[in-house]
Amino acid sequence: QVQLVESGGGLVQTGASVRLTCKASGFHFGMYAMGWFRQAPGKEREFIAGINWSGDSTIYSESAKDRFTISRSNAGATVNLQMNSLKPEDSSVYYCAADRHVRRTPVSTSDRDYNSWGQGTRVTVSP
């Protein structure tokens, strides 16, 4: 079955960098766009970054633009989120997700278009 397993979260200080990794299995990873979302307590799930099936098209939220970078390895079935210059407001549980449609273009920013989710990894940024 489809499995998405995130790793790399933790407690860091303001200004630090963190690299999240999502390992996928159970489906043809290289055929699907992937996204990173986050959800803080009491808040709605928020799109952060997405990458198309081939890795040559990406999209970011305003909060992530210029600080975060999404990348993927289809050979390794992984998608990464490099997060730099972290701020306390970036504290959240981060989830990776796989698009429900094969080779969707452009990459969707709506969580309704993603039907497989990991368990999440928590990132806490201290002031």
Protein backbone atom coordinates (compact mmCIF):
# COMPACT_ATOMS: atom_id res chain seq x y z
CA GLN A 1 0.00 0.00 0.00
CA VAL A 2 1.01 3.64 -0.31
CA GLN A 3 3.35 4.81 2.41
CA LEU A 4 4.86 8.24 2.95
CA VAL A 5 7.27 8.57 5.86
CA GLU A 6 8.62 11.96 6.86
CA SER A 7 11.77 12.55 8.85
CA GLY A 8 14.11 15.36 9.79
CA GLY A 9 12.03 17.46 12.14
CA GLY A 10 13.18 18.67 15.53
CA LEU A 11 13.83 21.64 17.77
CA VAL A 12 15.98 24.41 16.30
CA GLN A 13 16.72 28.05 16.99
CA THR A 14 15.57 31.02 14.95
CA GLY A 15 17.68 31.37 11.83
CA ALA A 16 18.63 27.72 11.67
CA SER A 17 18.13 25.33 8.78
CA VAL A 18 16.32 22.00 8.67
CA ARG A 19 16.00 19.45 5.89
CA LEU A 20 12.89 17.31 5.82
CA THR A 21 12.77 14.08 3.84
CA CYS A 22 9.77 12.06 2.75
CA LYS A 23 10.34 8.46 1.68
CA ALA A 24 7.63 7.04 -0.56
CA SER A 25 6.70 3.47 -1.34
CA GLY A 26 3.81 1.44 -2.69
CA PHE A 27 3.12 3.47 -5.83
CA HIS A 28 4.81 4.75 -9.00
CA PHE A 29 6.41 7.73 -7.27
CA GLY A 30 7.89 9.22 -10.44
CA MET A 31 4.45 9.70 -11.99
CA TYR A 32 2.98 11.98 -9.31
CA ALA A 33 3.44 15.52 -8.12
CA MET A 34 4.33 15.82 -4.46
CA GLY A 35 3.58 18.51 -1.94
CA TRP A 36 4.60 19.65 1.51
CA PHE A 37 1.97 21.05 3.85
CA ARG A 38 2.04 22.10 7.46
CA GLN A 39 -0.49 22.43 10.23
CA ALA A 40 -0.03 24.23 13.51
CA PRO A 41 -2.33 23.68 16.52
CA GLY A 42 -5.65 25.42 16.02
CA LYS A 43 -4.86 26.37 12.45
CA GLU A 44 -5.88 25.04 9.07
CA ARG A 45 -3.54 22.92 7.00
CA GLU A 46 -1.37 25.17 4.87
CA PHE A 47 0.31 24.46 1.52
CA ILE A 48 4.04 25.12 1.63
CA ALA A 49 5.65 23.77 -1.54
CA GLY A 50 4.95 21.46 -4.46
CA ILE A 51 6.97 19.79 -7.19
CA ASN A 52 5.80 18.19 -10.38
CA TRP A 53 6.34 14.54 -11.30
CA SER A 54 9.57 15.16 -13.20
CA GLY A 55 11.02 17.66 -10.77
CA ASP A 56 11.38 20.55 -13.21
CA SER A 57 8.51 22.66 -11.92
CA THR A 58 8.01 23.89 -8.38
CA ILE A 59 5.64 26.22 -6.58
CA TYR A 60 5.85 27.82 -3.14
CA SER A 61 3.62 29.66 -0.74
CA GLU A 62 4.48 33.26 0.01
CA SER A 63 5.71 32.24 3.45
CA ALA A 64 8.10 29.68 1.96
CA LYS A 65 9.32 31.57 -1.08
CA ASP A 66 13.01 32.54 -0.94
CA ARG A 67 13.62 30.45 2.21
CA PHE A 68 12.48 26.91 1.39
CA THR A 69 13.44 24.62 -1.49
CA ILE A 70 11.60 21.49 -2.55
CA SER A 71 13.39 18.77 -4.51
CA ARG A 72 12.87 15.15 -5.39
CA SER A 73 14.72 12.03 -6.40
CA ASN A 74 12.57 9.72 -8.46
CA ALA A 75 15.28 7.07 -8.36
CA GLY A 76 15.25 7.15 -4.58
CA ALA A 77 11.51 7.83 -4.24
CA THR A 78 12.14 10.76 -1.93
CA VAL A 79 11.02 14.35 -1.76
CA ASN A 80 12.89 16.87 0.35
CA LEU A 81 12.14 20.24 1.82
CA GLN A 82 15.16 22.36 2.67
CA MET A 83 14.13 25.08 5.09
CA ASN A 84 16.49 27.97 5.78
CA SER A 85 16.25 31.07 7.96
CA LEU A 86 13.59 29.48 10.12
CA LYS A 87 11.30 31.64 12.20
CA PRO A 88 9.17 30.78 15.26
CA GLU A 89 6.07 31.05 13.06
CA ASP A 90 7.40 28.12 10.99
CA SER A 91 6.82 25.85 13.99
CA SER A 92 4.34 23.22 12.89
CA VAL A 93 3.82 19.62 11.93
CA TYR A 94 4.98 19.16 8.35
CA TYR A 95 3.35 16.61 6.07
CA CYS A 96 4.28 15.33 2.64
CA ALA A 97 1.53 14.31 0.28
CA ALA A 98 1.13 12.64 -3.09
CA ASP A 99 -1.18 14.00 -5.79
CA ARG A 100 -4.20 11.88 -6.64
CA HIS A 101 -3.73 12.32 -10.41
CA VAL A 102 -0.94 11.07 -12.63
CA ARG A 103 1.36 13.81 -13.98
CA ARG A 104 -0.88 16.72 -12.97
CA THR A 105 0.23 20.05 -14.46
CA PRO A 106 0.49 22.61 -13.05
CA VAL A 107 1.26 21.51 -9.50
CA SER A 108 -1.75 21.93 -7.24
CA THR A 109 -1.68 23.96 -4.02
CA SER A 110 -4.99 22.51 -2.78
CA ASP A 111 -4.91 19.71 -0.22
CA ARG A 112 -8.05 18.30 -1.87
CA ASP A 113 -5.89 17.26 -4.82
CA TYR A 114 -3.62 15.11 -2.65
CA ASN A 115 -4.92 11.77 -1.46
CA SER A 116 -1.94 10.14 0.27
CA TRP A 117 -0.38 11.67 3.37
CA GLY A 118 2.47 10.90 5.70
CA GLN A 119 2.18 10.90 9.48
CA GLY A 120 3.98 14.23 9.77
CA THR A 121 7.18 15.44 11.38
CA ARG A 122 7.24 18.24 13.93
CA VAL A 123 9.46 21.27 13.56
CA THR A 124 9.77 23.64 16.49
CA VAL A 125 11.66 26.90 16.12
CA SER A 126 12.60 28.59 19.38
CA PRO A 127 12.86 32.41 19.55
